[in-house]
Structures are given as structure tokens and as C-alpha cells.
Amino acid sequence: MELMKRRIELGQMNTDDLWSLHIELTQLLQERIQAEKLELEQRLKALKAPVEGRRSYPPVSPQFRNPNKPSEMWSGRGKQPRWLVAQLKSGRKIDDFRIKKTANR
């Protein structure tokens, strides 16, 4: 109902007034679109920020040790090291290489 009243009012306006209203509306829309665009860009920037940097992981203690070369250790994460793969293929079990936890560790 109210929309019909507005259309009738606009229909009764002269061309100069309609043109002035058009310019005013265009400027208002541009300002609002610019403000929304800026807000969306800031939100997108905030969403991208954590993804760009690599997440830090806490240090992981070694869980397995090479008995032939004690300096070679593996945490149990990621790809198994070559020394462990070779030992497992020869028939040994992974628990044979597990580092024993002591009371003060």
C-alpha cells in the first residue's frame, strides 16, 4: 500500500526533481556499497590471517630409538625412518625399539 503511494508521489514529481533524487540516491548507494565492501575486506583479511602462517606444534619426545645407532630416534609421527622400516622388514616388532620411560621423565 505504502509502495503504491510512493510511486504515485514520484509520478507527480517534475523531471528536475526526479533527476536530483536520482543523483542523491546514487551517491547514497555508492557510500553504502563502499562501506560494506570495506567491512567485507576486513572480515576476509581476518579470516586469511591464521591460515597464512604455519601453526606451531609443541615439541614431541622421541618414542623409538635405533639400537645400532642410539643417536637416531623417531617420535612416532610422520613417515617411519629407513632404519626402522628395515628392522621391521627383517621381522622385528616396533615395540622392540620403544624408548622405556623412567620415573623422572
PDB file of N, CA and C in Angstrom:
ATOM      1  N   MET A   1       0.819  -1.180   0.000  1.00  0.00           N
ATOM      2  CA  MET A   1       0.000   0.000   0.000  1.00  0.00           C
ATOM      3  C   MET A   1       0.873   1.258   0.000  1.00  0.00           C
ATOM      4  N   GLU A   2       1.845   1.276   0.912  1.00  0.00           N
ATOM      5  CA  GLU A   2       2.716   2.446   1.015  1.00  0.00           C
ATOM      6  C   GLU A   2       3.586   2.589  -0.231  1.00  0.00           C
ATOM      7  N   LEU A   3       4.001   1.458  -0.812  1.00  0.00           N
ATOM      8  CA  LEU A   3       4.798   1.484  -2.035  1.00  0.00           C
ATOM      9  C   LEU A   3       4.015   2.139  -3.171  1.00  0.00           C
ATOM     10  N   MET A   4       2.736   1.859  -3.238  1.00  0.00           N
ATOM     11  CA  MET A   4       1.883   2.472  -4.266  1.00  0.00           C
ATOM     12  C   MET A   4       1.824   3.992  -4.075  1.00  0.00           C
ATOM     13  N   LYS A   5       1.715   4.444  -2.812  1.00  0.00           N
ATOM     14  CA  LYS A   5       1.677   5.882  -2.538  1.00  0.00           C
ATOM     15  C   LYS A   5       2.967   6.553  -2.998  1.00  0.00           C
ATOM     16  N   ARG A   6       4.094   5.887  -2.713  1.00  0.00           N
ATOM     17  CA  ARG A   6       5.390   6.451  -3.113  1.00  0.00           C
ATOM     18  C   ARG A   6       5.490   6.547  -4.634  1.00  0.00           C
ATOM     19  N   ARG A   7       5.030   5.515  -5.332  1.00  0.00           N
ATOM     20  CA  ARG A   7       5.083   5.539  -6.793  1.00  0.00           C
ATOM     21  C   ARG A   7       4.213   6.667  -7.354  1.00  0.00           C
ATOM     22  N   ILE A   8       3.062   6.882  -6.751  1.00  0.00           N
ATOM     23  CA  ILE A   8       2.189   7.968  -7.196  1.00  0.00           C
ATOM     24  C   ILE A   8       2.876   9.302  -6.952  1.00  0.00           C
ATOM     25  N   GLU A   9       3.509   9.454  -5.777  1.00  0.00           N
ATOM     26  CA  GLU A   9       4.223  10.695  -5.470  1.00  0.00           C
ATOM     27  C   GLU A   9       5.357  10.930  -6.458  1.00  0.00           C
ATOM     28  N   LEU A  10       6.106   9.878  -6.783  1.00  0.00           N
ATOM     29  CA  LEU A  10       7.203  10.014  -7.738  1.00  0.00           C
ATOM     30  C   LEU A  10       6.660  10.361  -9.118  1.00  0.00           C
ATOM     31  N   GLY A  11       5.528   9.779  -9.461  1.00  0.00           N
ATOM     32  CA  GLY A  11       4.929  10.061 -10.757  1.00  0.00           C
ATOM     33  C   GLY A  11       4.472  11.500 -10.896  1.00  0.00           C
ATOM     34  N   GLN A  12       4.231  12.165  -9.800  1.00  0.00           N
ATOM     35  CA  GLN A  12       3.768  13.547  -9.836  1.00  0.00           C
ATOM     36  C   GLN A  12       4.923  14.556  -9.800  1.00  0.00           C
ATOM     37  N   MET A  13       6.154  14.057  -9.567  1.00  0.00           N
ATOM     38  CA  MET A  13       7.311  14.959  -9.488  1.00  0.00           C
ATOM     39  C   MET A  13       7.744  15.365 -10.893  1.00  0.00           C
ATOM     40  N   ASN A  14       8.327  16.576 -10.996  1.00  0.00           N
ATOM     41  CA  ASN A  14       8.824  17.000 -12.313  1.00  0.00           C
ATOM     42  C   ASN A  14      10.197  16.373 -12.573  1.00  0.00           C
ATOM     43  N   THR A  15      10.644  16.497 -13.798  1.00  0.00           N
ATOM     44  CA  THR A  15      11.884  15.831 -14.238  1.00  0.00           C
ATOM     45  C   THR A  15      13.093  16.316 -13.451  1.00  0.00           C
ATOM     46  N   ASP A  16      13.222  17.570 -13.201  1.00  0.00           N
ATOM     47  CA  ASP A  16      14.377  18.107 -12.457  1.00  0.00           C
ATOM     48  C   ASP A  16      14.431  17.541 -11.036  1.00  0.00           C
ATOM     49  N   ASP A  17      13.291  17.452 -10.385  1.00  0.00           N
ATOM     50  CA  ASP A  17      13.253  16.898  -9.026  1.00  0.00           C
ATOM     51  C   ASP A  17      13.593  15.404  -9.034  1.00  0.00           C
ATOM     52  N   LEU A  18      13.067  14.698 -10.036  1.00  0.00           N
ATOM     53  CA  LEU A  18      13.392  13.268 -10.149  1.00  0.00           C
ATOM     54  C   LEU A  18      14.891  13.063 -10.386  1.00  0.00           C
ATOM     55  N   TRP A  19      15.458  13.921 -11.236  1.00  0.00           N
ATOM     56  CA  TRP A  19      16.886  13.790 -11.525  1.00  0.00           C
ATOM     57  C   TRP A  19      17.723  14.087 -10.279  1.00  0.00           C
ATOM     58  N   SER A  20      17.350  15.081  -9.518  1.00  0.00           N
ATOM     59  CA  SER A  20      18.056  15.400  -8.270  1.00  0.00           C
ATOM     60  C   SER A  20      17.948  14.239  -7.283  1.00  0.00           C
ATOM     61  N   LEU A  21      16.784  13.645  -7.210  1.00  0.00           N
ATOM     62  CA  LEU A  21      16.578  12.489  -6.341  1.00  0.00           C
ATOM     63  C   LEU A  21      17.441  11.306  -6.801  1.00  0.00           C
ATOM     64  N   HIS A  22      17.524  11.130  -8.116  1.00  0.00           N
ATOM     65  CA  HIS A  22      18.358  10.057  -8.683  1.00  0.00           C
ATOM     66  C   HIS A  22      19.831  10.248  -8.295  1.00  0.00           C
ATOM     67  N   ILE A  23      20.327  11.457  -8.429  1.00  0.00           N
ATOM     68  CA  ILE A  23      21.729  11.748  -8.082  1.00  0.00           C
ATOM     69  C   ILE A  23      21.965  11.506  -6.594  1.00  0.00           C
ATOM     70  N   GLU A  24      21.044  11.956  -5.773  1.00  0.00           N
ATOM     71  CA  GLU A  24      21.166  11.773  -4.322  1.00  0.00           C
ATOM     72  C   GLU A  24      21.161  10.287  -3.949  1.00  0.00           C
ATOM     73  N   LEU A  25      20.264   9.527  -4.555  1.00  0.00           N
ATOM     74  CA  LEU A  25      20.199   8.082  -4.295  1.00  0.00           C
ATOM     75  C   LEU A  25      21.455   7.374  -4.765  1.00  0.00           C
ATOM     76  N   THR A  26      21.967   7.752  -5.928  1.00  0.00           N
ATOM     77  CA  THR A  26      23.184   7.138  -6.466  1.00  0.00           C
ATOM     78  C   THR A  26      24.368   7.361  -5.521  1.00  0.00           C
ATOM     79  N   GLN A  27      24.504   8.579  -5.021  1.00  0.00           N
ATOM     80  CA  GLN A  27      25.602   8.878  -4.094  1.00  0.00           C
ATOM     81  C   GLN A  27      25.447   8.097  -2.794  1.00  0.00           C
ATOM     82  N   LEU A  28      24.232   8.029  -2.289  1.00  0.00           N
ATOM     83  CA  LEU A  28      23.983   7.288  -1.053  1.00  0.00           C
ATOM     84  C   LEU A  28      24.289   5.803  -1.236  1.00  0.00           C
ATOM     85  N   LEU A  29      23.864   5.244  -2.361  1.00  0.00           N
ATOM     86  CA  LEU A  29      24.145   3.827  -2.632  1.00  0.00           C
ATOM     87  C   LEU A  29      25.645   3.573  -2.757  1.00  0.00           C
ATOM     88  N   GLN A  30      26.368   4.472  -3.436  1.00  0.00           N
ATOM     89  CA  GLN A  30      27.815   4.313  -3.575  1.00  0.00           C
ATOM     90  C   GLN A  30      28.511   4.320  -2.216  1.00  0.00           C
ATOM     91  N   GLU A  31      28.086   5.216  -1.331  1.00  0.00           N
ATOM     92  CA  GLU A  31      28.680   5.288   0.005  1.00  0.00           C
ATOM     93  C   GLU A  31      28.417   4.008   0.786  1.00  0.00           C
ATOM     94  N   ARG A  32      27.203   3.512   0.725  1.00  0.00           N
ATOM     95  CA  ARG A  32      26.864   2.286   1.460  1.00  0.00           C
ATOM     96  C   ARG A  32      27.578   1.069   0.885  1.00  0.00           C
ATOM     97  N   ILE A  33      27.652   0.994  -0.431  1.00  0.00           N
ATOM     98  CA  ILE A  33      28.360  -0.125  -1.059  1.00  0.00           C
ATOM     99  C   ILE A  33      29.833  -0.087  -0.682  1.00  0.00           C
ATOM    100  N   GLN A  34      30.435   1.087  -0.691  1.00  0.00           N
ATOM    101  CA  GLN A  34      31.847   1.226  -0.322  1.00  0.00           C
ATOM    102  C   GLN A  34      32.067   0.802   1.133  1.00  0.00           C
ATOM    103  N   ALA A  35      31.165   1.205   2.020  1.00  0.00           N
ATOM    104  CA  ALA A  35      31.288   0.837   3.440  1.00  0.00           C
ATOM    105  C   ALA A  35      31.159  -0.679   3.616  1.00  0.00           C
ATOM    106  N   GLU A  36      30.207  -1.290   2.926  1.00  0.00           N
ATOM    107  CA  GLU A  36      30.041  -2.745   3.008  1.00  0.00           C
ATOM    108  C   GLU A  36      31.251  -3.468   2.435  1.00  0.00           C
ATOM    109  N   LYS A  37      31.778  -2.967   1.329  1.00  0.00           N
ATOM    110  CA  LYS A  37      32.959  -3.572   0.707  1.00  0.00           C
ATOM    111  C   LYS A  37      34.154  -3.531   1.667  1.00  0.00           C
ATOM    112  N   LEU A  38      34.348  -2.386   2.317  1.00  0.00           N
ATOM    113  CA  LEU A  38      35.442  -2.241   3.276  1.00  0.00           C
ATOM    114  C   LEU A  38      35.276  -3.220   4.435  1.00  0.00           C
ATOM    115  N   GLU A  39      34.050  -3.350   4.934  1.00  0.00           N
ATOM    116  CA  GLU A  39      33.783  -4.282   6.034  1.00  0.00           C
ATOM    117  C   GLU A  39      34.052  -5.730   5.609  1.00  0.00           C
ATOM    118  N   LEU A  40      33.628  -6.093   4.409  1.00  0.00           N
ATOM    119  CA  LEU A  40      33.859  -7.458   3.909  1.00  0.00           C
ATOM    120  C   LEU A  40      35.349  -7.734   3.707  1.00  0.00           C
ATOM    121  N   GLU A  41      36.080  -6.738   3.204  1.00  0.00           N
ATOM    122  CA  GLU A  41      37.520  -6.902   3.019  1.00  0.00           C
ATOM    123  C   GLU A  41      38.227  -7.112   4.354  1.00  0.00           C
ATOM    124  N   GLN A  42      37.793  -6.380   5.382  1.00  0.00           N
ATOM    125  CA  GLN A  42      38.390  -6.542   6.715  1.00  0.00           C
ATOM    126  C   GLN A  42      38.080  -7.929   7.280  1.00  0.00           C
ATOM    127  N   ARG A  43      36.857  -8.384   7.088  1.00  0.00           N
ATOM    128  CA  ARG A  43      36.492  -9.725   7.564  1.00  0.00           C
ATOM    129  C   ARG A  43      37.282 -10.798   6.831  1.00  0.00           C
ATOM    130  N   LEU A  44      37.449 -10.640   5.518  1.00  0.00           N
ATOM    131  CA  LEU A  44      38.222 -11.596   4.729  1.00  0.00           C
ATOM    132  C   LEU A  44      39.683 -11.597   5.164  1.00  0.00           C
ATOM    133  N   LYS A  45      40.218 -10.431   5.431  1.00  0.00           N
ATOM    134  CA  LYS A  45      41.606 -10.318   5.899  1.00  0.00           C
ATOM    135  C   LYS A  45      41.782 -11.035   7.233  1.00  0.00           C
ATOM    136  N   ALA A  46      40.799 -10.876   8.118  1.00  0.00           N
ATOM    137  CA  ALA A  46      40.854 -11.532   9.428  1.00  0.00           C
ATOM    138  C   ALA A  46      40.760 -13.046   9.277  1.00  0.00           C
ATOM    139  N   LEU A  47      39.992 -13.517   8.320  1.00  0.00           N
ATOM    140  CA  LEU A  47      39.874 -14.961   8.107  1.00  0.00           C
ATOM    141  C   LEU A  47      41.140 -15.548   7.500  1.00  0.00           C
ATOM    142  N   LYS A  48      41.814 -14.799   6.650  1.00  0.00           N
ATOM    143  CA  LYS A  48      43.020 -15.298   5.986  1.00  0.00           C
ATOM    144  C   LYS A  48      44.235 -15.314   6.914  1.00  0.00           C
ATOM    145  N   ALA A  49      44.284 -14.410   7.859  1.00  0.00           N
ATOM    146  CA  ALA A  49      45.474 -14.236   8.696  1.00  0.00           C
ATOM    147  C   ALA A  49      45.968 -15.534   9.338  1.00  0.00           C
ATOM    148  N   PRO A  50      45.143 -16.310  10.052  1.00  0.00           N
ATOM    149  CA  PRO A  50      45.677 -17.518  10.685  1.00  0.00           C
ATOM    150  C   PRO A  50      46.094 -18.582   9.686  1.00  0.00           C
ATOM    151  N   VAL A  51      45.492 -18.591   8.520  1.00  0.00           N
ATOM    152  CA  VAL A  51      45.784 -19.630   7.540  1.00  0.00           C
ATOM    153  C   VAL A  51      47.155 -19.424   6.921  1.00  0.00           C
ATOM    154  N   GLU A  52      47.558 -18.165   6.739  1.00  0.00           N
ATOM    155  CA  GLU A  52      48.801 -17.880   6.064  1.00  0.00           C
ATOM    156  C   GLU A  52      50.011 -18.373   6.837  1.00  0.00           C
ATOM    157  N   GLY A  53      50.030 -18.168   8.139  1.00  0.00           N
ATOM    158  CA  GLY A  53      51.161 -18.607   8.943  1.00  0.00           C
ATOM    159  C   GLY A  53      51.034 -20.072   9.310  1.00  0.00           C
ATOM    160  N   ARG A  54      52.149 -20.734   9.499  1.00  0.00           N
ATOM    161  CA  ARG A  54      52.118 -22.137   9.868  1.00  0.00           C
ATOM    162  C   ARG A  54      51.809 -22.265  11.352  1.00  0.00           C
ATOM    163  N   ARG A  55      50.961 -23.198  11.662  1.00  0.00           N
ATOM    164  CA  ARG A  55      50.581 -23.426  13.054  1.00  0.00           C
ATOM    165  C   ARG A  55      51.768 -24.027  13.804  1.00  0.00           C
ATOM    166  N   SER A  56      52.027 -23.537  14.993  1.00  0.00           N
ATOM    167  CA  SER A  56      53.140 -24.076  15.767  1.00  0.00           C
ATOM    168  C   SER A  56      52.674 -25.306  16.539  1.00  0.00           C
ATOM    169  N   TYR A  57      53.491 -26.303  16.543  1.00  0.00           N
ATOM    170  CA  TYR A  57      53.186 -27.541  17.247  1.00  0.00           C
ATOM    171  C   TYR A  57      54.127 -27.678  18.444  1.00  0.00           C
ATOM    172  N   PRO A  58      53.650 -28.259  19.514  1.00  0.00           N
ATOM    173  CA  PRO A  58      54.540 -28.442  20.662  1.00  0.00           C
ATOM    174  C   PRO A  58      55.595 -29.493  20.341  1.00  0.00           C
ATOM    175  N   PRO A  59      56.754 -29.396  20.976  1.00  0.00           N
ATOM    176  CA  PRO A  59      57.782 -30.404  20.726  1.00  0.00           C
ATOM    177  C   PRO A  59      57.304 -31.784  21.171  1.00  0.00           C
ATOM    178  N   VAL A  60      57.709 -32.803  20.414  1.00  0.00           N
ATOM    179  CA  VAL A  60      57.296 -34.168  20.701  1.00  0.00           C
ATOM    180  C   VAL A  60      58.531 -34.968  21.093  1.00  0.00           C
ATOM    181  N   SER A  61      58.436 -35.673  22.187  1.00  0.00           N
ATOM    182  CA  SER A  61      59.563 -36.501  22.641  1.00  0.00           C
ATOM    183  C   SER A  61      59.721 -37.702  21.738  1.00  0.00           C
ATOM    184  N   PRO A  62      60.969 -38.157  21.542  1.00  0.00           N
ATOM    185  CA  PRO A  62      61.178 -39.365  20.735  1.00  0.00           C
ATOM    186  C   PRO A  62      60.580 -40.587  21.446  1.00  0.00           C
ATOM    187  N   GLN A  63      59.985 -41.481  20.668  1.00  0.00           N
ATOM    188  CA  GLN A  63      59.361 -42.675  21.220  1.00  0.00           C
ATOM    189  C   GLN A  63      60.157 -43.945  20.884  1.00  0.00           C
ATOM    190  N   PHE A  64      60.947 -43.872  19.808  1.00  0.00           N
ATOM    191  CA  PHE A  64      61.672 -45.057  19.324  1.00  0.00           C
ATOM    192  C   PHE A  64      63.126 -44.695  19.072  1.00  0.00           C
ATOM    193  N   ARG A  65      64.030 -45.678  19.326  1.00  0.00           N
ATOM    194  CA  ARG A  65      65.459 -45.452  19.160  1.00  0.00           C
ATOM    195  C   ARG A  65      66.074 -46.597  18.374  1.00  0.00           C
ATOM    196  N   ASN A  66      67.023 -46.263  17.510  1.00  0.00           N
ATOM    197  CA  ASN A  66      67.763 -47.257  16.733  1.00  0.00           C
ATOM    198  C   ASN A  66      68.815 -47.871  17.657  1.00  0.00           C
ATOM    199  N   PRO A  67      68.733 -49.171  17.954  1.00  0.00           N
ATOM    200  CA  PRO A  67      69.713 -49.778  18.862  1.00  0.00           C
ATOM    201  C   PRO A  67      71.132 -49.794  18.275  1.00  0.00           C
ATOM    202  N   ASN A  68      71.254 -49.816  16.970  1.00  0.00           N
ATOM    203  CA  ASN A  68      72.576 -49.829  16.330  1.00  0.00           C
ATOM    204  C   ASN A  68      73.222 -48.447  16.308  1.00  0.00           C
ATOM    205  N   LYS A  69      72.403 -47.422  16.344  1.00  0.00           N
ATOM    206  CA  LYS A  69      72.898 -46.051  16.323  1.00  0.00           C
ATOM    207  C   LYS A  69      71.975 -45.231  17.224  1.00  0.00           C
ATOM    208  N   PRO A  70      72.244 -45.186  18.551  1.00  0.00           N
ATOM    209  CA  PRO A  70      71.342 -44.563  19.525  1.00  0.00           C
ATOM    210  C   PRO A  70      71.018 -43.091  19.267  1.00  0.00           C
ATOM    211  N   SER A  71      71.803 -42.412  18.466  1.00  0.00           N
ATOM    212  CA  SER A  71      71.501 -41.004  18.183  1.00  0.00           C
ATOM    213  C   SER A  71      70.319 -40.861  17.217  1.00  0.00           C
ATOM    214  N   GLU A  72      69.953 -41.959  16.541  1.00  0.00           N
ATOM    215  CA  GLU A  72      68.815 -41.920  15.626  1.00  0.00           C
ATOM    216  C   GLU A  72      67.540 -42.281  16.388  1.00  0.00           C
ATOM    217  N   MET A  73      66.633 -41.318  16.456  1.00  0.00           N
ATOM    218  CA  MET A  73      65.378 -41.529  17.176  1.00  0.00           C
ATOM    219  C   MET A  73      64.216 -41.088  16.297  1.00  0.00           C
ATOM    220  N   TRP A  74      63.025 -41.550  16.669  1.00  0.00           N
ATOM    221  CA  TRP A  74      61.813 -41.199  15.935  1.00  0.00           C
ATOM    222  C   TRP A  74      60.698 -40.953  16.930  1.00  0.00           C
ATOM    223  N   SER A  75      59.895 -39.913  16.673  1.00  0.00           N
ATOM    224  CA  SER A  75      58.825 -39.543  17.599  1.00  0.00           C
ATOM    225  C   SER A  75      57.573 -40.395  17.427  1.00  0.00           C
ATOM    226  N   GLY A  76      57.484 -41.131  16.342  1.00  0.00           N
ATOM    227  CA  GLY A  76      56.285 -41.915  16.081  1.00  0.00           C
ATOM    228  C   GLY A  76      55.305 -41.174  15.195  1.00  0.00           C
ATOM    229  N   ARG A  77      55.688 -39.977  14.764  1.00  0.00           N
ATOM    230  CA  ARG A  77      54.833 -39.183  13.877  1.00  0.00           C
ATOM    231  C   ARG A  77      55.494 -39.045  12.518  1.00  0.00           C
ATOM    232  N   GLY A  78      54.665 -38.978  11.515  1.00  0.00           N
ATOM    233  CA  GLY A  78      55.201 -38.829  10.166  1.00  0.00           C
ATOM    234  C   GLY A  78      55.683 -40.156   9.616  1.00  0.00           C
ATOM    235  N   LYS A  79      56.448 -40.067   8.548  1.00  0.00           N
ATOM    236  CA  LYS A  79      56.949 -41.255   7.871  1.00  0.00           C
ATOM    237  C   LYS A  79      57.982 -41.981   8.737  1.00  0.00           C
ATOM    238  N   GLN A  80      57.920 -43.310   8.722  1.00  0.00           N
ATOM    239  CA  GLN A  80      58.882 -44.090   9.502  1.00  0.00           C
ATOM    240  C   GLN A  80      60.279 -43.936   8.897  1.00  0.00           C
ATOM    241  N   PRO A  81      61.299 -43.798   9.750  1.00  0.00           N
ATOM    242  CA  PRO A  81      62.658 -43.656   9.230  1.00  0.00           C
ATOM    243  C   PRO A  81      63.146 -44.965   8.593  1.00  0.00           C
ATOM    244  N   ARG A  82      64.118 -44.844   7.716  1.00  0.00           N
ATOM    245  CA  ARG A  82      64.629 -46.014   6.974  1.00  0.00           C
ATOM    246  C   ARG A  82      65.139 -47.113   7.889  1.00  0.00           C
ATOM    247  N   TRP A  83      65.834 -46.722   8.970  1.00  0.00           N
ATOM    248  CA  TRP A  83      66.377 -47.745   9.858  1.00  0.00           C
ATOM    249  C   TRP A  83      65.266 -48.577  10.473  1.00  0.00           C
ATOM    250  N   LEU A  84      64.138 -47.947  10.803  1.00  0.00           N
ATOM    251  CA  LEU A  84      63.025 -48.669  11.413  1.00  0.00           C
ATOM    252  C   LEU A  84      62.325 -49.548  10.382  1.00  0.00           C
ATOM    253  N   VAL A  85      62.135 -49.038   9.185  1.00  0.00           N
ATOM    254  CA  VAL A  85      61.493 -49.823   8.125  1.00  0.00           C
ATOM    255  C   VAL A  85      62.308 -51.085   7.851  1.00  0.00           C
ATOM    256  N   ALA A  86      63.634 -50.941   7.777  1.00  0.00           N
ATOM    257  CA  ALA A  86      64.500 -52.098   7.515  1.00  0.00           C
ATOM    258  C   ALA A  86      64.395 -53.122   8.646  1.00  0.00           C
ATOM    259  N   GLN A  87      64.367 -52.659   9.882  1.00  0.00           N
ATOM    260  CA  GLN A  87      64.271 -53.572  11.029  1.00  0.00           C
ATOM    261  C   GLN A  87      62.913 -54.297  11.045  1.00  0.00           C
ATOM    262  N   LEU A  88      61.847 -53.578  10.723  1.00  0.00           N
ATOM    263  CA  LEU A  88      60.513 -54.184  10.707  1.00  0.00           C
ATOM    264  C   LEU A  88      60.401 -55.227   9.592  1.00  0.00           C
ATOM    265  N   LYS A  89      61.050 -54.969   8.453  1.00  0.00           N
ATOM    266  CA  LYS A  89      61.031 -55.938   7.343  1.00  0.00           C
ATOM    267  C   LYS A  89      61.798 -57.195   7.701  1.00  0.00           C
ATOM    268  N   SER A  90      62.792 -57.065   8.566  1.00  0.00           N
ATOM    269  CA  SER A  90      63.578 -58.237   8.955  1.00  0.00           C
ATOM    270  C   SER A  90      62.866 -59.079  10.021  1.00  0.00           C
ATOM    271  N   GLY A  91      61.673 -58.662  10.441  1.00  0.00           N
ATOM    272  CA  GLY A  91      60.883 -59.485  11.350  1.00  0.00           C
ATOM    273  C   GLY A  91      60.768 -58.971  12.768  1.00  0.00           C
ATOM    274  N   ARG A  92      61.440 -57.883  13.079  1.00  0.00           N
ATOM    275  CA  ARG A  92      61.340 -57.359  14.433  1.00  0.00           C
ATOM    276  C   ARG A  92      60.046 -56.574  14.607  1.00  0.00           C
ATOM    277  N   LYS A  93      59.651 -56.374  15.833  1.00  0.00           N
ATOM    278  CA  LYS A  93      58.412 -55.650  16.143  1.00  0.00           C
ATOM    279  C   LYS A  93      58.757 -54.223  16.567  1.00  0.00           C
ATOM    280  N   ILE A  94      57.812 -53.317  16.332  1.00  0.00           N
ATOM    281  CA  ILE A  94      58.061 -51.904  16.616  1.00  0.00           C
ATOM    282  C   ILE A  94      58.302 -51.661  18.105  1.00  0.00           C
ATOM    283  N   ASP A  95      57.684 -52.455  18.969  1.00  0.00           N
ATOM    284  CA  ASP A  95      57.875 -52.280  20.414  1.00  0.00           C
ATOM    285  C   ASP A  95      59.298 -52.621  20.853  1.00  0.00           C
ATOM    286  N   ASP A  96      60.049 -53.345  20.017  1.00  0.00           N
ATOM    287  CA  ASP A  96      61.455 -53.636  20.338  1.00  0.00           C
ATOM    288  C   ASP A  96      62.290 -52.360  20.365  1.00  0.00           C
ATOM    289  N   PHE A  97      61.822 -51.319  19.722  1.00  0.00           N
ATOM    290  CA  PHE A  97      62.590 -50.076  19.601  1.00  0.00           C
ATOM    291  C   PHE A  97      62.033 -48.952  20.461  1.00  0.00           C
ATOM    292  N   ARG A  98      60.976 -49.237  21.195  1.00  0.00           N
ATOM    293  CA  ARG A  98      60.339 -48.218  22.025  1.00  0.00           C
ATOM    294  C   ARG A  98      61.288 -47.786  23.146  1.00  0.00           C
ATOM    295  N   ILE A  99      61.378 -46.499  23.384  1.00  0.00           N
ATOM    296  CA  ILE A  99      62.220 -45.967  24.462  1.00  0.00           C
ATOM    297  C   ILE A  99      61.447 -46.153  25.768  1.00  0.00           C
ATOM    298  N   LYS A 100      62.096 -46.772  26.728  1.00  0.00           N
ATOM    299  CA  LYS A 100      61.461 -47.023  28.033  1.00  0.00           C
ATOM    300  C   LYS A 100      61.399 -45.732  28.824  1.00  0.00           C
ATOM    301  N   LYS A 101      60.261 -45.455  29.373  1.00  0.00           N
ATOM    302  CA  LYS A 101      60.081 -44.242  30.198  1.00  0.00           C
ATOM    303  C   LYS A 101      60.607 -44.533  31.597  1.00  0.00           C
ATOM    304  N   THR A 102      61.330 -43.578  32.147  1.00  0.00           N
ATOM    305  CA  THR A 102      61.803 -43.709  33.521  1.00  0.00           C
ATOM    306  C   THR A 102      60.950 -42.835  34.416  1.00  0.00           C
ATOM    307  N   ALA A 103      61.041 -43.019  35.696  1.00  0.00           N
ATOM    308  CA  ALA A 103      60.193 -42.303  36.681  1.00  0.00           C
ATOM    309  C   ALA A 103      60.457 -40.797  36.661  1.00  0.00           C
ATOM    310  N   ASN A 104      61.699 -40.360  36.412  1.00  0.00           N
ATOM    311  CA  ASN A 104      61.997 -38.928  36.461  1.00  0.00           C
ATOM    312  C   ASN A 104      61.777 -38.240  35.114  1.00  0.00           C
ATOM    313  N   ARG A 105      61.250 -38.893  34.117  1.00  0.00           N
ATOM    314  CA  ARG A 105      60.972 -38.295  32.811  1.00  0.00           C
ATOM    315  C   ARG A 105      59.629 -37.729  32.720  1.00  0.00           C
TER     316      ARG A 105
END
